[in-house]
N, C-alpha and C. Protein backbone atom coordinates (compact mmCIF):
# COMPACT_ATOMS: atom_id res chain seq x y z
N MET A 1 18.02 37.72 -7.12
CA MET A 1 17.78 37.04 -8.26
C MET A 1 18.71 35.15 -7.48
N LYS A 2 19.63 34.91 -7.27
CA LYS A 2 20.16 34.22 -7.17
C LYS A 2 19.14 33.21 -5.47
N CYS A 3 18.05 34.07 -4.76
CA CYS A 3 17.17 33.54 -3.61
C CYS A 3 15.88 33.54 -4.47
N TYR A 4 15.75 33.91 -5.10
CA TYR A 4 14.36 33.05 -5.94
C TYR A 4 14.76 31.72 -7.08
N ARG A 5 15.91 32.14 -7.53
CA ARG A 5 16.16 30.28 -7.82
C ARG A 5 16.47 29.60 -7.22
N ILE A 6 17.03 29.81 -6.24
CA ILE A 6 16.89 28.63 -4.53
C ILE A 6 15.56 28.42 -4.63
N MET A 7 14.81 29.31 -4.57
CA MET A 7 13.66 29.15 -3.30
C MET A 7 12.15 28.24 -4.82
N ALA A 8 12.99 28.29 -5.86
CA ALA A 8 12.11 27.57 -7.03
C ALA A 8 12.92 26.74 -7.45
N SER A 9 13.93 26.15 -7.39
CA SER A 9 14.30 25.03 -7.65
C SER A 9 13.43 23.96 -5.92
N ALA A 10 13.82 24.63 -4.94
CA ALA A 10 12.84 23.68 -3.51
C ALA A 10 11.84 23.56 -3.56
N VAL A 11 11.32 24.49 -4.35
CA VAL A 11 9.79 24.23 -4.60
C VAL A 11 9.21 22.99 -5.80
N THR A 12 10.08 23.55 -6.96
CA THR A 12 10.24 22.36 -8.09
C THR A 12 10.51 20.71 -6.99
N ALA A 13 11.93 20.72 -6.33
CA ALA A 13 11.76 19.56 -5.42
C ALA A 13 10.54 18.85 -4.40
N LEU A 14 10.52 20.19 -4.09
CA LEU A 14 8.92 19.50 -3.53
C LEU A 14 7.43 18.82 -3.74
N SER A 15 7.30 19.99 -4.82
CA SER A 15 5.88 18.97 -5.74
C SER A 15 6.72 17.91 -5.88
N ALA A 16 8.02 17.68 -6.58
CA ALA A 16 8.67 16.44 -7.40
C ALA A 16 8.25 15.09 -6.60
N LEU A 17 8.67 15.14 -5.08
CA LEU A 17 8.67 14.67 -4.28
C LEU A 17 6.67 14.13 -3.59
N ALA A 18 5.76 15.43 -3.36
CA ALA A 18 4.96 14.74 -3.52
C ALA A 18 4.08 13.91 -4.56
N ALA A 19 4.00 14.45 -5.82
CA ALA A 19 3.72 14.11 -6.57
C ALA A 19 4.32 11.85 -6.51
N SER A 20 5.25 12.25 -6.43
CA SER A 20 5.54 10.26 -6.31
C SER A 20 4.86 10.35 -5.69
N SER A 21 4.70 8.24 -6.03
CA SER A 21 3.89 7.86 -5.56
C SER A 21 4.24 6.56 -4.60
N SER A 22 5.51 6.45 -4.33
CA SER A 22 6.42 5.94 -3.26
C SER A 22 5.66 6.14 -2.10
N ILE A 23 5.90 5.17 -1.51
CA ILE A 23 5.98 5.19 0.16
C ILE A 23 6.39 4.56 1.11
N TRP A 24 6.75 4.91 1.61
CA TRP A 24 8.10 4.28 3.01
C TRP A 24 7.39 3.91 3.95
N ALA A 25 7.73 3.66 4.75
CA ALA A 25 5.98 3.70 6.88
C ALA A 25 6.71 2.45 7.02
N SER A 26 7.52 2.53 8.30
CA SER A 26 7.60 1.71 9.45
C SER A 26 7.35 1.24 10.66
N GLY A 27 6.74 0.75 10.52
CA GLY A 27 6.07 -0.40 11.59
C GLY A 27 6.52 -2.04 12.31
N ASP A 28 5.80 -1.88 13.19
CA ASP A 28 5.86 -3.10 13.93
C ASP A 28 7.59 -3.87 13.31
N HIS A 29 8.34 -2.68 13.27
CA HIS A 29 10.22 -2.87 13.45
C HIS A 29 10.35 -3.92 12.00
N LYS A 30 9.36 -3.74 10.68
CA LYS A 30 9.73 -3.44 9.29
C LYS A 30 9.53 -2.66 8.50
N ASP A 31 10.11 -2.52 7.29
CA ASP A 31 9.70 -1.41 6.35
C ASP A 31 9.08 -1.72 5.53
N VAL A 32 7.59 -0.85 5.22
CA VAL A 32 6.86 -1.26 3.95
C VAL A 32 7.07 -1.00 3.01
N TYR A 33 7.43 -1.00 1.76
CA TYR A 33 7.15 -0.03 1.02
C TYR A 33 5.80 -0.61 -0.60
N ALA A 34 5.32 0.43 -1.23
CA ALA A 34 4.43 0.41 -1.60
C ALA A 34 4.40 1.62 -3.01
N LYS A 35 4.53 1.38 -4.37
CA LYS A 35 4.97 1.94 -5.48
C LYS A 35 3.45 1.47 -6.32
N SER A 36 2.42 2.78 -6.63
CA SER A 36 1.81 1.95 -7.57
C SER A 36 1.94 3.17 -9.14
N PHE A 37 1.60 2.05 -10.26
CA PHE A 37 2.02 2.44 -11.48
C PHE A 37 0.82 2.77 -12.53
N ASP A 38 0.66 3.56 -13.39
CA ASP A 38 0.25 3.55 -14.35
C ASP A 38 0.52 3.69 -15.21
N VAL A 39 0.57 2.99 -16.29
CA VAL A 39 1.44 3.40 -17.53
C VAL A 39 0.90 3.15 -19.09
N ALA A 40 1.22 3.95 -20.00
CA ALA A 40 0.58 3.53 -21.37
C ALA A 40 1.67 3.36 -21.92
N LEU A 41 2.07 1.92 -22.70
CA LEU A 41 3.45 1.69 -23.11
C LEU A 41 2.87 1.29 -24.87
N GLN A 42 3.56 2.48 -25.87
CA GLN A 42 3.39 2.22 -27.17
C GLN A 42 4.20 0.67 -27.83
N PRO A 43 3.85 0.38 -28.31
CA PRO A 43 4.33 -0.60 -29.47
C PRO A 43 5.58 -0.98 -29.37
N GLY A 44 6.44 -1.87 -28.79
CA GLY A 44 8.13 -2.08 -29.01
C GLY A 44 8.08 -1.68 -27.47
N LYS A 45 7.44 -0.70 -26.37
CA LYS A 45 8.68 -0.03 -25.76
C LYS A 45 7.56 -0.35 -23.95
N PHE A 46 8.49 -0.42 -22.75
CA PHE A 46 8.40 -1.06 -21.78
C PHE A 46 8.57 0.06 -20.56
N HIS A 47 8.66 -0.73 -19.73
CA HIS A 47 8.21 0.37 -18.74
C HIS A 47 9.05 -0.56 -17.28
N GLU A 48 9.68 0.24 -16.40
CA GLU A 48 10.46 -0.74 -14.82
C GLU A 48 10.29 0.17 -13.97
N GLU A 49 9.83 -0.35 -12.68
CA GLU A 49 10.58 -0.76 -11.38
C GLU A 49 11.50 -1.37 -10.87
N CYS A 50 12.51 -0.11 -10.34
CA CYS A 50 13.11 -0.91 -9.85
C CYS A 50 13.15 -0.31 -7.98
N MET A 51 14.03 -1.39 -7.67
CA MET A 51 14.60 -1.43 -5.78
C MET A 51 15.21 -2.86 -5.50
N GLU A 52 16.27 -1.72 -4.35
CA GLU A 52 16.90 -3.10 -3.28
C GLU A 52 16.30 -3.35 -2.89
N LEU A 53 16.29 -4.71 -2.81
CA LEU A 53 15.45 -6.43 -1.40
C LEU A 53 16.65 -6.87 -0.85
N LYS A 54 16.72 -7.23 -0.43
CA LYS A 54 17.07 -7.86 0.83
C LYS A 54 17.09 -9.72 0.36
N ALA A 55 18.20 -10.80 0.39
CA ALA A 55 17.47 -12.28 0.52
C ALA A 55 16.46 -12.07 1.98
N GLY A 56 15.44 -12.35 1.42
CA GLY A 56 14.21 -13.45 1.39
C GLY A 56 13.59 -12.38 2.00
N GLN A 57 13.60 -11.07 1.47
CA GLN A 57 12.40 -9.84 2.07
C GLN A 57 11.09 -10.20 0.64
N GLU A 58 10.07 -10.33 1.67
CA GLU A 58 8.78 -10.27 0.29
C GLU A 58 8.22 -9.20 0.16
N MET A 59 8.34 -9.21 -1.55
CA MET A 59 7.27 -8.48 -2.14
C MET A 59 6.75 -8.10 -2.69
N PRO A 60 5.13 -8.47 -2.55
CA PRO A 60 3.43 -8.36 -3.76
C PRO A 60 3.82 -7.27 -3.99
N TYR A 61 3.31 -7.83 -5.21
CA TYR A 61 2.99 -7.18 -6.74
C TYR A 61 1.58 -7.73 -6.96
N HIS A 62 0.86 -6.44 -7.73
CA HIS A 62 -0.44 -6.01 -8.43
C HIS A 62 -0.23 -6.14 -9.96
N PHE A 63 -0.49 -6.24 -11.15
CA PHE A 63 -0.43 -5.65 -11.94
C PHE A 63 -1.54 -6.22 -13.25
N LYS A 64 -2.06 -5.34 -13.85
CA LYS A 64 -3.17 -6.05 -14.43
C LYS A 64 -2.70 -4.07 -16.33
N ALA A 65 -3.13 -5.72 -17.12
CA ALA A 65 -2.89 -4.67 -18.55
C ALA A 65 -3.85 -4.92 -19.62
N SER A 66 -3.87 -4.13 -20.71
CA SER A 66 -5.06 -3.92 -21.27
C SER A 66 -4.70 -4.84 -22.65
N THR A 67 -4.07 -4.80 -22.45
CA THR A 67 -4.17 -6.46 -23.04
C THR A 67 -1.92 -7.29 -22.79
N GLU A 68 -1.96 -8.82 -23.71
CA GLU A 68 -0.66 -9.20 -23.20
C GLU A 68 0.80 -7.97 -23.51
N VAL A 69 1.06 -8.79 -22.11
CA VAL A 69 2.30 -8.12 -21.99
C VAL A 69 4.07 -8.99 -22.22
N ALA A 70 5.02 -8.65 -22.38
CA ALA A 70 5.57 -9.55 -21.42
C ALA A 70 5.84 -8.74 -20.23
N PHE A 71 6.47 -9.60 -19.33
CA PHE A 71 7.19 -9.17 -17.68
C PHE A 71 7.79 -10.09 -17.35
N ASN A 72 8.80 -9.00 -17.10
CA ASN A 72 9.73 -9.91 -15.98
C ASN A 72 10.74 -9.23 -14.42
N ILE A 73 10.94 -10.11 -13.91
CA ILE A 73 11.11 -9.47 -13.19
C ILE A 73 13.42 -9.73 -13.35
N HIS A 74 14.06 -8.67 -12.78
CA HIS A 74 15.75 -8.90 -13.47
C HIS A 74 16.24 -8.43 -12.48
N PHE A 75 17.43 -8.73 -12.12
CA PHE A 75 19.26 -7.84 -12.01
C PHE A 75 19.91 -8.23 -13.25
N HIS A 76 20.84 -7.68 -12.47
CA HIS A 76 22.28 -7.20 -13.40
C HIS A 76 23.50 -8.00 -12.55
N LYS A 77 24.03 -9.09 -12.98
CA LYS A 77 24.79 -9.63 -12.55
C LYS A 77 26.18 -9.23 -13.48
N GLY A 78 26.83 -8.24 -13.48
CA GLY A 78 28.17 -7.59 -14.34
C GLY A 78 27.30 -7.33 -16.05
N LYS A 79 27.88 -8.09 -16.48
CA LYS A 79 27.18 -7.93 -18.11
C LYS A 79 25.64 -8.57 -18.36
N ALA A 80 26.18 -9.11 -17.55
CA ALA A 80 24.53 -10.82 -17.47
C ALA A 80 23.50 -10.08 -17.20
N VAL A 81 21.74 -10.78 -17.60
CA VAL A 81 21.16 -10.20 -16.81
C VAL A 81 20.59 -11.27 -16.44
N GLU A 82 19.92 -11.30 -14.73
CA GLU A 82 19.35 -12.78 -14.60
C GLU A 82 17.99 -11.88 -13.96
N PHE A 83 17.30 -13.83 -14.86
CA PHE A 83 15.85 -13.44 -14.70
C PHE A 83 15.03 -14.21 -13.74
N PRO A 84 14.61 -13.85 -12.24
CA PRO A 84 14.13 -15.10 -11.28
C PRO A 84 12.86 -15.13 -11.91
N VAL A 85 11.82 -14.29 -12.89
CA VAL A 85 10.36 -14.39 -13.25
C VAL A 85 10.78 -13.81 -14.49
N LYS A 86 10.03 -15.08 -15.41
CA LYS A 86 10.17 -14.36 -16.93
C LYS A 86 8.67 -14.91 -18.04
N VAL A 87 8.57 -14.50 -18.21
CA VAL A 87 6.74 -14.45 -18.67
C VAL A 87 6.54 -13.77 -19.92
N ASP A 88 6.20 -14.82 -21.18
CA ASP A 88 6.85 -13.62 -22.46
C ASP A 88 4.89 -13.13 -22.75
N ALA A 89 3.90 -14.04 -22.36
CA ALA A 89 2.54 -12.74 -22.80
C ALA A 89 2.38 -13.02 -21.51
N ILE A 90 1.87 -12.12 -21.18
CA ILE A 90 0.65 -12.19 -19.33
C ILE A 90 -0.13 -10.91 -19.43
N ARG A 91 -1.07 -11.25 -18.62
CA ARG A 91 -2.19 -9.84 -18.39
C ARG A 91 -2.44 -9.37 -17.01
N GLU A 92 -2.60 -10.36 -16.22
CA GLU A 92 -2.56 -10.16 -14.54
C GLU A 92 -1.62 -10.74 -14.29
N SER A 93 -1.21 -10.47 -13.08
CA SER A 93 -0.84 -10.90 -12.11
C SER A 93 -0.32 -10.65 -10.60
N ALA A 94 -0.73 -11.61 -9.75
CA ALA A 94 -1.08 -11.07 -8.64
C ALA A 94 0.30 -12.22 -7.57
N GLN A 95 1.71 -11.38 -7.32
CA GLN A 95 1.88 -12.75 -6.79
C GLN A 95 2.99 -12.04 -5.49
N ILE A 96 4.00 -12.98 -4.90
CA ILE A 96 4.74 -11.97 -4.19
C ILE A 96 6.57 -12.61 -4.02
N PHE A 97 7.47 -11.90 -4.17
CA PHE A 97 7.81 -11.49 -4.84
C PHE A 97 9.22 -12.12 -3.70
N LYS A 98 9.95 -13.64 -3.45
CA LYS A 98 10.66 -13.46 -2.39
C LYS A 98 12.23 -13.71 -2.70
N PRO A 99 13.53 -12.44 -3.20
CA PRO A 99 13.91 -13.34 -3.64
C PRO A 99 15.46 -14.23 -2.38
N MET A 100 16.40 -14.50 -3.23
CA MET A 100 17.55 -16.05 -3.05
C MET A 100 18.44 -14.64 -1.92
N MET A 101 18.54 -14.10 -2.93
CA MET A 101 19.42 -12.90 -2.51
C MET A 101 19.61 -11.35 -2.57
N THR A 102 20.24 -10.91 -2.11
CA THR A 102 19.87 -9.08 -1.56
C THR A 102 21.03 -8.49 -3.04
N GLU A 103 19.79 -7.80 -3.65
CA GLU A 103 19.98 -7.10 -5.23
C GLU A 103 19.81 -5.97 -5.61
N HIS A 104 19.28 -5.29 -6.57
CA HIS A 104 18.57 -3.98 -7.27
C HIS A 104 18.58 -4.89 -7.94
N PHE A 105 16.75 -5.26 -7.99
CA PHE A 105 15.72 -6.16 -8.96
C PHE A 105 15.09 -5.01 -9.86
N CYS A 106 14.43 -5.02 -10.93
CA CYS A 106 13.66 -4.73 -12.10
C CYS A 106 12.35 -5.16 -12.10
N TRP A 107 11.40 -4.71 -11.86
CA TRP A 107 9.75 -4.78 -12.77
C TRP A 107 9.92 -4.85 -13.67
N MET A 108 10.02 -5.35 -14.71
CA MET A 108 9.44 -4.64 -16.46
C MET A 108 8.30 -5.46 -16.80
N TRP A 109 8.07 -4.75 -17.56
CA TRP A 109 6.51 -4.97 -18.50
C TRP A 109 6.97 -4.01 -20.27
N LYS A 110 6.66 -5.36 -20.93
CA LYS A 110 7.23 -4.69 -22.56
C LYS A 110 5.55 -5.09 -23.24
N ASN A 111 5.48 -4.08 -23.84
CA ASN A 111 4.51 -4.63 -24.95
C ASN A 111 4.80 -4.11 -26.07
N ASN A 112 4.32 -6.52 -26.50
CA ASN A 112 4.77 -6.73 -27.97
C ASN A 112 3.88 -6.92 -29.04
N ALA A 113 2.60 -6.03 -28.31
CA ALA A 113 1.70 -6.04 -29.17
C ALA A 113 1.68 -4.88 -30.54
N SER A 114 0.99 -4.99 -31.23
CA SER A 114 1.15 -3.94 -32.77
C SER A 114 0.41 -2.90 -32.04
N GLY A 115 -0.81 -2.86 -31.11
CA GLY A 115 -1.22 -1.34 -31.17
C GLY A 115 -0.65 -1.54 -29.16
N PRO A 116 -0.97 -0.18 -28.45
CA PRO A 116 -1.16 0.25 -27.45
C PRO A 116 -1.22 -0.43 -25.70
N ALA A 117 -0.53 -0.04 -25.26
CA ALA A 117 -0.70 -1.71 -23.73
C ALA A 117 -0.72 -0.43 -22.83
N GLN A 118 -1.92 -0.39 -22.05
CA GLN A 118 -2.36 -0.13 -20.70
C GLN A 118 -1.74 -0.95 -19.87
N VAL A 119 -0.80 -0.30 -18.45
CA VAL A 119 -0.11 -1.15 -17.29
C VAL A 119 -0.82 -0.95 -16.82
N LYS A 120 -0.90 -1.01 -14.82
CA LYS A 120 -1.18 -0.26 -13.69
C LYS A 120 -1.40 -1.31 -12.36
N GLY A 121 -0.45 -1.32 -11.86
CA GLY A 121 -0.38 -2.31 -11.00
C GLY A 121 0.03 -0.97 -9.01
N ILE A 122 0.70 -2.20 -8.47
CA ILE A 122 1.06 -1.70 -7.35
C ILE A 122 2.08 -2.49 -7.08
N ILE A 123 3.37 -1.88 -6.28
CA ILE A 123 4.52 -3.06 -5.97
C ILE A 123 4.79 -2.75 -4.58
N GLY A 124 4.46 -3.89 -4.00
CA GLY A 124 4.38 -3.45 -2.45
C GLY A 124 3.80 -4.21 -1.69
N ALA A 125 1.94 -3.14 -1.77
CA ALA A 125 0.86 -3.36 -1.08
C ALA A 125 0.09 -4.62 -1.00
N LYS A 126 -0.60 -5.88 0.13
CA LYS A 126 -0.88 -6.83 -0.27
C LYS A 126 -1.88 -6.64 -0.75
């Protein structure tokens, strides 16, 4: 019985890992990260993708939304929230984010519309 539970937990963990759309690879002495997403946001709801970035590390991103959404890249400094990027209403963007300092950054999309919004994109792929 115990062996079965351990095996089931291992299979579940491996399945979750395989289903993840995050990819880390190393080549030419630098790490490359890619995370794709495709989310349905109900009115008033938000979605975040977060990661640690070093000062000066370039992180390209691209997204498209079915309707305008609020978008930002932020980090927490104590109880305060800092926003290196903040847009109140946007449907599409393709940029490269290059932070001035090492922090744990979050890309966030919020649906302020009265109907659902579909947001899909990728962080880390050029």
